[in-house]
Amino acid sequence: MNKMPVLKALVGVLLTTPLAAAHAEERPWYFSVDAGISVASDPTFAAGRLTTRRGVAYGGAFGRHLGPNWRVEAAIAYRNNPVRRVTSPGFDTDPKDADWASLLVTVNALYDFDGFQLGTAQVRPYVGLGLGRAQEVDTDLRAGGAEREYSGSGSARQLMLGLRWSYGSPWVADVGLSFADAGTVSFKATGGAQSFNARYRATSAIARVGYRF
């Protein structure tokens, strides 16, 4: 079988994909930084529950547009929620300065819908899906008055949606929501204390500023 026609056909397909179009698009690359608030789902563990307060979220991304609608990015996101109360046997009820934190590293694929004009800005809704790793989910709890650190890692995923503003310059801004889920994480303790399993989920409301180049 002559493979040359097949290869030529594959090249032709590639040249007509959004990926090829990105090479012709002006300023296909971008980076962004973001900050906002985080609300964590209160996990159950060790026959009890850990309740949290509203916290902070911030991070950044480096990405590329693959044509007029699709883009992909590598992103990092940190979330930190203060612990309000612990109701598990063997743990102190008041955790003092404990927090429930995570560091997620993901690769995100996003789709920008056709936009609408709002004053001098073009606004485009977007939706995205991210897959990666919760490189570290941790908390500092007290047992018998002694503080112990618990941490674990695992696979992570997130759903994103929001609105992106463009004013015809390299600068862009958007607001959005991110729903992160690291599944059930096995937390190991320092100092030989008992480990436990708990599910990590959090929702973040984010404001973001980006620059295209």
N, C-alpha and C. Protein backbone atom coordinates (compact mmCIF):
# COMPACT_ATOMS: atom_id res chain seq x y z
N MET A 1 0.85 -1.20 0.00
CA MET A 1 0.00 0.00 0.00
C MET A 1 0.87 1.23 0.00
N ASN A 2 0.59 2.17 -0.88
CA ASN A 2 1.34 3.42 -0.95
C ASN A 2 0.89 4.34 0.18
N LYS A 3 1.81 4.64 1.07
CA LYS A 3 1.45 5.43 2.24
C LYS A 3 1.49 6.93 1.98
N MET A 4 2.07 7.37 0.86
CA MET A 4 2.22 8.80 0.61
C MET A 4 0.88 9.52 0.53
N PRO A 5 -0.14 9.02 -0.19
CA PRO A 5 -1.43 9.73 -0.20
C PRO A 5 -2.04 9.84 1.19
N VAL A 6 -1.85 8.79 2.01
CA VAL A 6 -2.38 8.84 3.36
C VAL A 6 -1.69 9.93 4.17
N LEU A 7 -0.35 9.97 4.06
CA LEU A 7 0.41 10.99 4.78
C LEU A 7 0.03 12.39 4.33
N LYS A 8 -0.15 12.55 3.02
CA LYS A 8 -0.54 13.86 2.51
C LYS A 8 -1.91 14.26 3.02
N ALA A 9 -2.81 13.29 3.13
CA ALA A 9 -4.14 13.58 3.64
C ALA A 9 -4.08 13.99 5.10
N LEU A 10 -3.24 13.29 5.88
CA LEU A 10 -3.10 13.64 7.29
C LEU A 10 -2.53 15.04 7.46
N VAL A 11 -1.53 15.37 6.65
CA VAL A 11 -0.95 16.72 6.70
C VAL A 11 -2.01 17.75 6.36
N GLY A 12 -2.83 17.44 5.34
CA GLY A 12 -3.89 18.37 4.98
C GLY A 12 -4.87 18.59 6.09
N VAL A 13 -5.22 17.52 6.82
CA VAL A 13 -6.13 17.66 7.95
C VAL A 13 -5.52 18.52 9.03
N LEU A 14 -4.24 18.28 9.32
CA LEU A 14 -3.57 19.06 10.36
C LEU A 14 -3.52 20.54 10.02
N LEU A 15 -3.32 20.83 8.73
CA LEU A 15 -3.21 22.22 8.31
C LEU A 15 -4.54 22.96 8.39
N THR A 16 -5.62 22.22 8.50
CA THR A 16 -6.92 22.87 8.58
C THR A 16 -7.51 22.81 9.99
N THR A 17 -6.78 22.31 10.95
CA THR A 17 -7.27 22.24 12.33
C THR A 17 -7.02 23.55 13.04
N PRO A 18 -7.71 23.77 14.18
CA PRO A 18 -7.46 24.97 14.98
C PRO A 18 -6.03 25.09 15.43
N LEU A 19 -5.33 23.95 15.60
CA LEU A 19 -3.94 24.03 16.01
C LEU A 19 -3.11 24.75 14.98
N ALA A 20 -3.34 24.46 13.69
CA ALA A 20 -2.61 25.15 12.65
C ALA A 20 -3.02 26.61 12.59
N ALA A 21 -4.29 26.86 12.83
CA ALA A 21 -4.77 28.23 12.78
C ALA A 21 -4.12 29.09 13.86
N ALA A 22 -3.74 28.45 14.96
CA ALA A 22 -3.12 29.20 16.05
C ALA A 22 -1.80 29.83 15.62
N HIS A 23 -1.10 29.18 14.70
CA HIS A 23 0.17 29.72 14.23
C HIS A 23 -0.03 31.03 13.48
N ALA A 24 -1.18 31.13 12.83
CA ALA A 24 -1.45 32.35 12.07
C ALA A 24 -2.12 33.41 12.92
N GLU A 25 -2.66 33.03 14.07
CA GLU A 25 -3.37 33.98 14.90
C GLU A 25 -2.38 34.89 15.63
N GLU A 26 -2.71 36.15 15.72
CA GLU A 26 -1.85 37.08 16.41
C GLU A 26 -1.94 36.88 17.91
N ARG A 27 -0.80 36.87 18.57
CA ARG A 27 -0.70 36.69 20.02
C ARG A 27 -1.40 35.42 20.49
N PRO A 28 -0.95 34.25 20.07
CA PRO A 28 -1.62 33.01 20.49
C PRO A 28 -1.30 32.60 21.93
N TRP A 29 -0.15 33.04 22.46
CA TRP A 29 0.25 32.64 23.80
C TRP A 29 -0.29 33.61 24.84
N TYR A 30 -0.42 33.15 26.08
CA TYR A 30 -0.85 34.04 27.15
C TYR A 30 -0.41 33.51 28.50
N PHE A 31 -0.33 34.40 29.47
CA PHE A 31 -0.18 33.99 30.85
C PHE A 31 -1.17 34.79 31.68
N SER A 32 -1.55 34.27 32.83
CA SER A 32 -2.53 34.94 33.66
C SER A 32 -2.25 34.68 35.13
N VAL A 33 -2.72 35.58 35.98
CA VAL A 33 -2.67 35.41 37.43
C VAL A 33 -4.08 35.64 37.96
N ASP A 34 -4.41 34.99 39.07
CA ASP A 34 -5.76 35.13 39.59
C ASP A 34 -5.77 35.09 41.11
N ALA A 35 -6.86 35.60 41.67
CA ALA A 35 -7.05 35.58 43.11
C ALA A 35 -8.55 35.64 43.39
N GLY A 36 -8.95 35.09 44.53
CA GLY A 36 -10.37 35.10 44.86
C GLY A 36 -10.64 34.45 46.20
N ILE A 37 -11.84 33.91 46.34
CA ILE A 37 -12.25 33.28 47.59
C ILE A 37 -12.51 31.80 47.36
N SER A 38 -12.33 31.02 48.40
CA SER A 38 -12.51 29.58 48.33
C SER A 38 -13.49 29.12 49.39
N VAL A 39 -14.40 28.22 49.01
CA VAL A 39 -15.31 27.57 49.94
C VAL A 39 -15.09 26.07 49.81
N ALA A 40 -14.62 25.43 50.89
CA ALA A 40 -14.32 24.00 50.85
C ALA A 40 -15.49 23.20 51.40
N SER A 41 -15.74 22.03 50.81
CA SER A 41 -16.74 21.12 51.36
C SER A 41 -16.18 20.51 52.64
N ASP A 42 -16.95 20.51 53.70
CA ASP A 42 -16.48 19.99 54.98
C ASP A 42 -16.37 18.47 54.92
N PRO A 43 -15.16 17.93 55.04
CA PRO A 43 -15.00 16.48 54.89
C PRO A 43 -15.32 15.71 56.16
N THR A 44 -15.73 14.46 55.98
CA THR A 44 -15.87 13.53 57.10
C THR A 44 -14.61 12.68 57.16
N PHE A 45 -14.15 12.43 58.36
CA PHE A 45 -12.99 11.56 58.54
C PHE A 45 -12.95 11.09 59.98
N ALA A 46 -12.34 9.93 60.19
CA ALA A 46 -12.13 9.37 61.53
C ALA A 46 -13.42 9.41 62.35
N ALA A 47 -14.52 8.99 61.75
CA ALA A 47 -15.83 8.92 62.43
C ALA A 47 -16.32 10.28 62.91
N GLY A 48 -15.92 11.33 62.23
CA GLY A 48 -16.35 12.67 62.61
C GLY A 48 -16.34 13.61 61.43
N ARG A 49 -16.21 14.89 61.69
CA ARG A 49 -16.24 15.90 60.63
C ARG A 49 -15.30 17.05 60.94
N LEU A 50 -14.78 17.63 59.89
CA LEU A 50 -13.96 18.83 59.97
C LEU A 50 -14.71 19.94 59.26
N THR A 51 -15.01 21.04 59.95
CA THR A 51 -15.73 22.14 59.33
C THR A 51 -14.78 23.31 59.10
N THR A 52 -15.01 24.03 58.01
CA THR A 52 -14.09 25.10 57.60
C THR A 52 -14.81 26.42 57.41
N ARG A 53 -14.00 27.49 57.34
CA ARG A 53 -14.51 28.81 57.02
C ARG A 53 -14.15 29.16 55.58
N ARG A 54 -14.72 30.25 55.09
CA ARG A 54 -14.35 30.75 53.77
C ARG A 54 -12.90 31.17 53.78
N GLY A 55 -12.17 30.85 52.71
CA GLY A 55 -10.75 31.16 52.66
C GLY A 55 -10.35 31.86 51.37
N VAL A 56 -9.08 31.75 51.02
CA VAL A 56 -8.53 32.44 49.86
C VAL A 56 -8.11 31.43 48.80
N ALA A 57 -8.04 31.91 47.58
CA ALA A 57 -7.57 31.10 46.46
C ALA A 57 -6.78 32.00 45.53
N TYR A 58 -5.65 31.51 45.04
CA TYR A 58 -4.90 32.25 44.04
C TYR A 58 -4.03 31.30 43.24
N GLY A 59 -3.58 31.76 42.08
CA GLY A 59 -2.79 30.90 41.21
C GLY A 59 -2.40 31.59 39.93
N GLY A 60 -2.10 30.79 38.92
CA GLY A 60 -1.68 31.34 37.63
C GLY A 60 -1.72 30.27 36.56
N ALA A 61 -1.58 30.69 35.30
CA ALA A 61 -1.63 29.76 34.18
C ALA A 61 -0.78 30.28 33.03
N PHE A 62 -0.30 29.35 32.22
CA PHE A 62 0.42 29.66 30.98
C PHE A 62 -0.23 28.84 29.88
N GLY A 63 -0.71 29.52 28.82
CA GLY A 63 -1.47 28.78 27.83
C GLY A 63 -1.30 29.26 26.40
N ARG A 64 -2.07 28.62 25.51
CA ARG A 64 -2.00 28.93 24.08
C ARG A 64 -3.40 28.78 23.46
N HIS A 65 -3.73 29.72 22.62
CA HIS A 65 -4.98 29.65 21.85
C HIS A 65 -4.79 28.70 20.67
N LEU A 66 -5.76 27.82 20.47
CA LEU A 66 -5.75 26.89 19.34
C LEU A 66 -6.85 27.28 18.37
N GLY A 67 -6.75 28.46 17.82
CA GLY A 67 -7.80 28.96 16.95
C GLY A 67 -8.70 29.92 17.70
N PRO A 68 -9.83 30.29 17.12
CA PRO A 68 -10.68 31.33 17.70
C PRO A 68 -11.45 30.91 18.94
N ASN A 69 -11.62 29.61 19.18
CA ASN A 69 -12.47 29.18 20.29
C ASN A 69 -11.77 28.34 21.36
N TRP A 70 -10.82 27.49 20.94
CA TRP A 70 -10.19 26.59 21.89
C TRP A 70 -8.88 27.15 22.42
N ARG A 71 -8.59 26.83 23.66
CA ARG A 71 -7.26 27.11 24.24
C ARG A 71 -6.93 26.05 25.28
N VAL A 72 -5.63 25.85 25.48
CA VAL A 72 -5.15 24.91 26.49
C VAL A 72 -4.15 25.64 27.37
N GLU A 73 -4.03 25.20 28.62
CA GLU A 73 -3.13 25.87 29.54
C GLU A 73 -2.66 24.91 30.62
N ALA A 74 -1.49 25.21 31.15
CA ALA A 74 -0.99 24.55 32.35
C ALA A 74 -1.20 25.52 33.50
N ALA A 75 -1.82 25.04 34.58
CA ALA A 75 -2.22 25.95 35.66
C ALA A 75 -1.84 25.40 37.01
N ILE A 76 -1.67 26.31 37.95
CA ILE A 76 -1.42 25.96 39.34
C ILE A 76 -2.38 26.78 40.20
N ALA A 77 -2.98 26.14 41.21
CA ALA A 77 -3.97 26.83 42.04
C ALA A 77 -3.77 26.42 43.50
N TYR A 78 -3.72 27.41 44.37
CA TYR A 78 -3.58 27.18 45.81
C TYR A 78 -4.84 27.66 46.51
N ARG A 79 -5.38 26.83 47.40
CA ARG A 79 -6.57 27.18 48.19
C ARG A 79 -6.27 26.95 49.66
N ASN A 80 -6.77 27.85 50.50
CA ASN A 80 -6.53 27.73 51.94
C ASN A 80 -7.79 28.14 52.68
N ASN A 81 -8.35 27.22 53.46
CA ASN A 81 -9.55 27.48 54.25
C ASN A 81 -9.27 27.24 55.73
N PRO A 82 -9.47 28.22 56.60
CA PRO A 82 -9.27 28.01 58.04
C PRO A 82 -10.22 26.94 58.56
N VAL A 83 -9.72 26.13 59.48
CA VAL A 83 -10.54 25.10 60.12
C VAL A 83 -11.29 25.73 61.29
N ARG A 84 -12.60 25.54 61.32
CA ARG A 84 -13.42 26.11 62.38
C ARG A 84 -13.54 25.16 63.57
N ARG A 85 -13.77 23.89 63.29
CA ARG A 85 -14.05 22.95 64.37
C ARG A 85 -13.77 21.52 63.90
N VAL A 86 -13.36 20.67 64.83
CA VAL A 86 -13.13 19.26 64.56
C VAL A 86 -13.98 18.44 65.52
N THR A 87 -14.77 17.52 64.99
CA THR A 87 -15.63 16.69 65.83
C THR A 87 -15.33 15.22 65.59
N SER A 88 -14.06 14.85 65.64
CA SER A 88 -13.65 13.46 65.47
C SER A 88 -12.99 12.96 66.74
N PRO A 89 -13.29 11.73 67.17
CA PRO A 89 -12.67 11.19 68.37
C PRO A 89 -11.14 11.19 68.27
N GLY A 90 -10.49 11.63 69.33
CA GLY A 90 -9.03 11.65 69.37
C GLY A 90 -8.43 12.97 68.96
N PHE A 91 -9.24 13.89 68.40
CA PHE A 91 -8.74 15.20 68.00
C PHE A 91 -9.31 16.29 68.89
N ASP A 92 -8.53 17.33 69.14
CA ASP A 92 -9.02 18.47 69.90
C ASP A 92 -10.09 19.19 69.10
N THR A 93 -11.15 19.61 69.77
CA THR A 93 -12.27 20.28 69.09
C THR A 93 -11.84 21.61 68.49
N ASP A 94 -11.04 22.38 69.24
CA ASP A 94 -10.55 23.67 68.76
C ASP A 94 -9.17 23.48 68.16
N PRO A 95 -9.03 23.62 66.82
CA PRO A 95 -7.75 23.36 66.18
C PRO A 95 -6.79 24.54 66.18
N LYS A 96 -7.15 25.63 66.88
CA LYS A 96 -6.30 26.83 66.93
C LYS A 96 -6.14 27.42 65.53
N ASP A 97 -4.92 27.45 65.01
CA ASP A 97 -4.65 28.10 63.71
C ASP A 97 -4.62 27.11 62.56
N ALA A 98 -5.33 26.02 62.66
CA ALA A 98 -5.29 25.00 61.61
C ALA A 98 -5.95 25.49 60.33
N ASP A 99 -5.51 24.95 59.20
CA ASP A 99 -6.13 25.25 57.92
C ASP A 99 -6.31 23.96 57.13
N TRP A 100 -7.10 24.06 56.07
CA TRP A 100 -7.40 22.94 55.17
C TRP A 100 -7.02 23.44 53.79
N ALA A 101 -5.84 23.03 53.30
CA ALA A 101 -5.25 23.66 52.13
C ALA A 101 -4.95 22.64 51.04
N SER A 102 -4.82 23.16 49.82
CA SER A 102 -4.48 22.29 48.69
C SER A 102 -3.66 23.06 47.66
N LEU A 103 -2.85 22.30 46.93
CA LEU A 103 -2.10 22.83 45.78
C LEU A 103 -2.38 21.91 44.61
N LEU A 104 -3.10 22.43 43.60
CA LEU A 104 -3.48 21.64 42.44
C LEU A 104 -2.71 22.10 41.21
N VAL A 105 -2.15 21.14 40.49
CA VAL A 105 -1.46 21.40 39.22
C VAL A 105 -2.25 20.66 38.14
N THR A 106 -2.76 21.39 37.16
CA THR A 106 -3.63 20.79 36.15
C THR A 106 -3.28 21.28 34.75
N VAL A 107 -3.73 20.50 33.78
CA VAL A 107 -3.75 20.92 32.37
C VAL A 107 -5.22 21.13 32.02
N ASN A 108 -5.54 22.34 31.57
CA ASN A 108 -6.93 22.72 31.32
C ASN A 108 -7.19 22.89 29.82
N ALA A 109 -8.34 22.42 29.38
CA ALA A 109 -8.83 22.69 28.03
C ALA A 109 -10.07 23.56 28.17
N LEU A 110 -10.09 24.71 27.47
CA LEU A 110 -11.19 25.65 27.60
C LEU A 110 -11.77 26.00 26.24
N TYR A 111 -13.08 26.23 26.24
CA TYR A 111 -13.77 26.63 25.01
C TYR A 111 -14.40 28.00 25.23
N ASP A 112 -14.02 28.97 24.38
CA ASP A 112 -14.58 30.31 24.43
C ASP A 112 -15.73 30.42 23.44
N PHE A 113 -16.93 30.69 23.94
CA PHE A 113 -18.10 30.84 23.08
C PHE A 113 -18.06 32.19 22.37
N ASP A 114 -18.86 32.32 21.32
CA ASP A 114 -18.97 33.60 20.63
C ASP A 114 -19.46 34.64 21.63
N GLY A 115 -18.87 35.85 21.53
CA GLY A 115 -19.13 36.85 22.54
C GLY A 115 -20.20 37.87 22.16
N PHE A 116 -20.32 38.84 23.05
CA PHE A 116 -21.24 39.94 22.82
C PHE A 116 -20.53 41.23 23.23
N GLN A 117 -20.98 42.33 22.66
CA GLN A 117 -20.35 43.62 22.93
C GLN A 117 -20.97 44.24 24.16
N LEU A 118 -20.11 44.73 25.06
CA LEU A 118 -20.54 45.41 26.26
C LEU A 118 -19.71 46.68 26.39
N GLY A 119 -20.28 47.80 25.91
CA GLY A 119 -19.51 49.03 25.86
C GLY A 119 -18.40 48.89 24.84
N THR A 120 -17.16 49.15 25.27
CA THR A 120 -16.00 49.02 24.37
C THR A 120 -15.37 47.64 24.44
N ALA A 121 -15.92 46.76 25.27
CA ALA A 121 -15.32 45.44 25.46
C ALA A 121 -16.14 44.36 24.79
N GLN A 122 -15.43 43.32 24.33
CA GLN A 122 -16.09 42.11 23.86
C GLN A 122 -16.04 41.09 25.01
N VAL A 123 -17.19 40.56 25.36
CA VAL A 123 -17.29 39.61 26.47
C VAL A 123 -17.61 38.23 25.90
N ARG A 124 -16.81 37.23 26.30
CA ARG A 124 -17.00 35.87 25.80
C ARG A 124 -17.16 34.90 26.97
N PRO A 125 -18.29 34.21 27.05
CA PRO A 125 -18.43 33.15 28.06
C PRO A 125 -17.48 32.00 27.72
N TYR A 126 -17.04 31.28 28.75
CA TYR A 126 -16.18 30.13 28.51
C TYR A 126 -16.51 29.01 29.49
N VAL A 127 -16.11 27.79 29.10
CA VAL A 127 -16.24 26.62 29.96
C VAL A 127 -14.97 25.79 29.78
N GLY A 128 -14.54 25.13 30.83
CA GLY A 128 -13.31 24.37 30.72
C GLY A 128 -13.28 23.17 31.65
N LEU A 129 -12.39 22.24 31.33
CA LEU A 129 -12.20 21.05 32.13
C LEU A 129 -10.70 20.88 32.36
N GLY A 130 -10.32 20.62 33.61
CA GLY A 130 -8.93 20.43 33.95
C GLY A 130 -8.68 19.08 34.59
N LEU A 131 -7.52 18.48 34.26
CA LEU A 131 -7.10 17.21 34.84
C LEU A 131 -5.66 17.35 35.31
N GLY A 132 -5.36 16.75 36.45
CA GLY A 132 -4.00 16.85 36.95
C GLY A 132 -3.83 16.17 38.28
N ARG A 133 -3.15 16.87 39.17
CA ARG A 133 -2.78 16.26 40.45
C ARG A 133 -2.91 17.26 41.59
N ALA A 134 -3.45 16.78 42.69
CA ALA A 134 -3.39 17.53 43.94
C ALA A 134 -2.04 17.18 44.54
N GLN A 135 -1.07 18.04 44.28
CA GLN A 135 0.30 17.74 44.69
C GLN A 135 0.41 17.68 46.21
N GLU A 136 -0.40 18.47 46.89
CA GLU A 136 -0.40 18.43 48.34
C GLU A 136 -1.72 18.95 48.87
N VAL A 137 -2.42 18.13 49.62
CA VAL A 137 -3.57 18.55 50.41
C VAL A 137 -3.17 18.34 51.86
N ASP A 138 -3.27 19.37 52.69
CA ASP A 138 -2.78 19.20 54.06
C ASP A 138 -3.62 19.96 55.07
N THR A 139 -3.47 19.56 56.31
CA THR A 139 -4.11 20.23 57.44
C THR A 139 -3.27 20.02 58.68
N ASP A 140 -3.33 20.95 59.60
CA ASP A 140 -2.63 20.85 60.89
C ASP A 140 -3.69 20.75 61.98
N LEU A 141 -3.75 19.59 62.64
CA LEU A 141 -4.74 19.36 63.68
C LEU A 141 -4.04 19.09 65.01
N ARG A 142 -4.83 19.18 66.07
CA ARG A 142 -4.29 18.94 67.41
C ARG A 142 -4.93 17.70 68.02
N ALA A 143 -4.08 16.91 68.66
CA ALA A 143 -4.53 15.72 69.38
C ALA A 143 -3.83 15.71 70.74
N GLY A 144 -4.60 15.81 71.82
CA GLY A 144 -4.01 15.87 73.15
C GLY A 144 -3.15 17.10 73.35
N GLY A 145 -3.50 18.19 72.67
CA GLY A 145 -2.76 19.44 72.79
C GLY A 145 -1.54 19.53 71.91
N ALA A 146 -1.16 18.45 71.26
CA ALA A 146 0.02 18.45 70.39
C ALA A 146 -0.40 18.62 68.93
N GLU A 147 0.28 19.49 68.23
CA GLU A 147 -0.06 19.74 66.82
C GLU A 147 0.63 18.72 65.93
N ARG A 148 -0.15 18.19 64.97
CA ARG A 148 0.40 17.24 64.00
C ARG A 148 -0.04 17.65 62.59
N GLU A 149 0.86 17.46 61.67
CA GLU A 149 0.57 17.80 60.27
C GLU A 149 0.16 16.54 59.52
N TYR A 150 -0.92 16.65 58.77
CA TYR A 150 -1.42 15.56 57.94
C TYR A 150 -1.41 16.03 56.49
N SER A 151 -0.89 15.21 55.60
CA SER A 151 -0.84 15.61 54.19
C SER A 151 -0.98 14.38 53.29
N GLY A 152 -1.46 14.64 52.07
CA GLY A 152 -1.61 13.58 51.08
C GLY A 152 -1.72 14.16 49.69
N SER A 153 -1.60 13.30 48.68
CA SER A 153 -1.66 13.72 47.28
C SER A 153 -2.52 12.72 46.50
N GLY A 154 -2.95 13.14 45.33
CA GLY A 154 -3.76 12.27 44.49
C GLY A 154 -4.16 12.97 43.21
N SER A 155 -4.89 12.28 42.36
CA SER A 155 -5.35 12.86 41.11
C SER A 155 -6.41 13.92 41.40
N ALA A 156 -6.54 14.87 40.49
CA ALA A 156 -7.49 15.98 40.67
C ALA A 156 -8.13 16.34 39.35
N ARG A 157 -9.31 16.93 39.44
CA ARG A 157 -10.01 17.42 38.26
C ARG A 157 -10.78 18.67 38.65
N GLN A 158 -11.06 19.49 37.66
CA GLN A 158 -11.82 20.70 37.95
C GLN A 158 -12.65 21.13 36.75
N LEU A 159 -13.78 21.73 37.05
CA LEU A 159 -14.67 22.30 36.03
C LEU A 159 -14.64 23.81 36.19
N MET A 160 -14.50 24.53 35.08
CA MET A 160 -14.40 25.98 35.11
C MET A 160 -15.43 26.61 34.19
N LEU A 161 -15.96 27.74 34.61
CA LEU A 161 -16.83 28.53 33.74
C LEU A 161 -16.73 29.99 34.15
N GLY A 162 -16.96 30.87 33.17
CA GLY A 162 -16.84 32.29 33.48
C GLY A 162 -17.06 33.17 32.27
N LEU A 163 -16.67 34.42 32.42
CA LEU A 163 -16.77 35.44 31.37
C LEU A 163 -15.42 36.11 31.21
N ARG A 164 -15.00 36.30 29.94
CA ARG A 164 -13.71 36.93 29.64
C ARG A 164 -13.94 38.23 28.90
N TRP A 165 -13.28 39.31 29.37
CA TRP A 165 -13.37 40.63 28.76
C TRP A 165 -12.13 40.89 27.92
N SER A 166 -12.34 41.41 26.71
CA SER A 166 -11.24 41.81 25.83
C SER A 166 -11.52 43.22 25.31
N TYR A 167 -10.50 44.10 25.43
CA TYR A 167 -10.67 45.49 24.99
C TYR A 167 -9.86 45.81 23.74
N GLY A 168 -9.51 44.76 22.99
CA GLY A 168 -8.75 44.99 21.77
C GLY A 168 -7.28 45.24 21.99
N SER A 169 -6.77 44.94 23.19
CA SER A 169 -5.35 45.09 23.52
C SER A 169 -4.82 43.73 23.95
N PRO A 170 -3.53 43.61 24.21
CA PRO A 170 -3.01 42.32 24.69
C PRO A 170 -3.56 41.91 26.05
N TRP A 171 -4.08 42.86 26.81
CA TRP A 171 -4.58 42.55 28.14
C TRP A 171 -6.01 42.03 28.10
N VAL A 172 -6.28 41.00 28.91
CA VAL A 172 -7.62 40.45 29.05
C VAL A 172 -7.91 40.27 30.54
N ALA A 173 -9.18 40.19 30.87
CA ALA A 173 -9.59 39.97 32.26
C ALA A 173 -10.82 39.08 32.26
N ASP A 174 -10.97 38.30 33.31
CA ASP A 174 -12.19 37.51 33.40
C ASP A 174 -12.54 37.23 34.85
N VAL A 175 -13.78 36.84 35.05
CA VAL A 175 -14.27 36.37 36.34
C VAL A 175 -14.88 34.99 36.11
N GLY A 176 -14.73 34.11 37.09
CA GLY A 176 -15.24 32.78 36.89
C GLY A 176 -15.33 31.97 38.16
N LEU A 177 -15.86 30.77 38.00
CA LEU A 177 -15.98 29.82 39.09
C LEU A 177 -15.18 28.57 38.73
N SER A 178 -14.58 27.97 39.75
CA SER A 178 -13.83 26.73 39.57
C SER A 178 -14.30 25.72 40.61
N PHE A 179 -14.67 24.53 40.14
CA PHE A 179 -15.11 23.46 41.03
C PHE A 179 -14.04 22.37 41.01
N ALA A 180 -13.29 22.24 42.09
CA ALA A 180 -12.17 21.31 42.15
C ALA A 180 -12.52 20.10 43.00
N ASP A 181 -12.03 18.93 42.58
CA ASP A 181 -12.29 17.69 43.29
C ASP A 181 -11.04 16.81 43.21
N ALA A 182 -10.46 16.51 44.37
CA ALA A 182 -9.29 15.64 44.42
C ALA A 182 -9.65 14.23 44.86
N GLY A 183 -10.94 13.94 44.95
CA GLY A 183 -11.36 12.61 45.36
C GLY A 183 -11.00 12.32 46.81
N THR A 184 -10.93 11.06 47.14
CA THR A 184 -10.56 10.65 48.50
C THR A 184 -9.05 10.58 48.62
N VAL A 185 -8.51 11.35 49.53
CA VAL A 185 -7.06 11.46 49.72
C VAL A 185 -6.68 10.73 51.00
N SER A 186 -5.59 9.97 50.94
CA SER A 186 -5.07 9.30 52.13
C SER A 186 -4.08 10.23 52.81
N PHE A 187 -4.41 10.66 54.01
CA PHE A 187 -3.58 11.61 54.75
C PHE A 187 -2.67 10.86 55.72
N LYS A 188 -1.38 11.10 55.57
CA LYS A 188 -0.39 10.52 56.47
C LYS A 188 0.07 11.59 57.45
N ALA A 189 0.32 11.17 58.67
CA ALA A 189 0.65 12.11 59.74
C ALA A 189 2.14 12.10 60.04
N THR A 190 2.65 13.25 60.46
CA THR A 190 4.01 13.32 60.97
C THR A 190 4.03 12.80 62.40
N GLY A 191 5.16 12.26 62.80
CA GLY A 191 5.29 11.80 64.18
C GLY A 191 4.63 10.47 64.46
N GLY A 192 4.25 9.72 63.42
CA GLY A 192 3.71 8.39 63.62
C GLY A 192 2.27 8.34 64.10
N ALA A 193 1.55 9.46 64.03
CA ALA A 193 0.14 9.45 64.44
C ALA A 193 -0.69 8.69 63.41
N GLN A 194 -1.91 8.37 63.81
CA GLN A 194 -2.79 7.58 62.95
C GLN A 194 -3.18 8.36 61.70
N SER A 195 -3.17 7.70 60.55
CA SER A 195 -3.57 8.33 59.30
C SER A 195 -5.07 8.19 59.11
N PHE A 196 -5.62 8.93 58.12
CA PHE A 196 -7.05 8.85 57.84
C PHE A 196 -7.29 9.20 56.38
N ASN A 197 -8.47 8.89 55.89
CA ASN A 197 -8.89 9.22 54.53
C ASN A 197 -9.97 10.28 54.57
N ALA A 198 -9.91 11.21 53.65
CA ALA A 198 -10.94 12.26 53.56
C ALA A 198 -11.01 12.75 52.12
N ARG A 199 -12.20 13.19 51.72
CA ARG A 199 -12.38 13.70 50.36
C ARG A 199 -12.17 15.21 50.35
N TYR A 200 -11.43 15.67 49.32
CA TYR A 200 -11.20 17.11 49.19
C TYR A 200 -11.98 17.66 48.00
N ARG A 201 -12.86 18.65 48.26
CA ARG A 201 -13.59 19.36 47.22
C ARG A 201 -13.66 20.83 47.61
N ALA A 202 -13.58 21.72 46.62
CA ALA A 202 -13.65 23.15 46.91
C ALA A 202 -14.18 23.90 45.70
N THR A 203 -14.88 24.98 45.97
CA THR A 203 -15.38 25.88 44.93
C THR A 203 -14.73 27.24 45.12
N SER A 204 -14.23 27.81 44.03
CA SER A 204 -13.56 29.11 44.10
C SER A 204 -14.20 30.10 43.15
N ALA A 205 -14.34 31.34 43.61
CA ALA A 205 -14.76 32.46 42.76
C ALA A 205 -13.52 33.31 42.50
N ILE A 206 -13.16 33.46 41.23
CA ILE A 206 -11.85 34.00 40.86
C ILE A 206 -11.99 35.22 39.95
N ALA A 207 -11.11 36.21 40.19
CA ALA A 207 -10.90 37.30 39.24
C ALA A 207 -9.50 37.13 38.65
N ARG A 208 -9.40 37.29 37.33
CA ARG A 208 -8.15 36.95 36.64
C ARG A 208 -7.73 38.06 35.68
N VAL A 209 -6.44 38.27 35.60
CA VAL A 209 -5.86 39.21 34.63
C VAL A 209 -4.84 38.45 33.79
N GLY A 210 -4.92 38.62 32.47
CA GLY A 210 -4.00 37.91 31.59
C GLY A 210 -3.38 38.81 30.54
N TYR A 211 -2.30 38.34 29.94
CA TYR A 211 -1.61 39.10 28.89
C TYR A 211 -1.29 38.15 27.74
N ARG A 212 -1.69 38.53 26.52
CA ARG A 212 -1.44 37.73 25.33
C ARG A 212 -0.19 38.22 24.60
N PHE A 213 0.58 37.28 24.08
CA PHE A 213 1.81 37.67 23.36
C PHE A 213 2.10 36.68 22.22
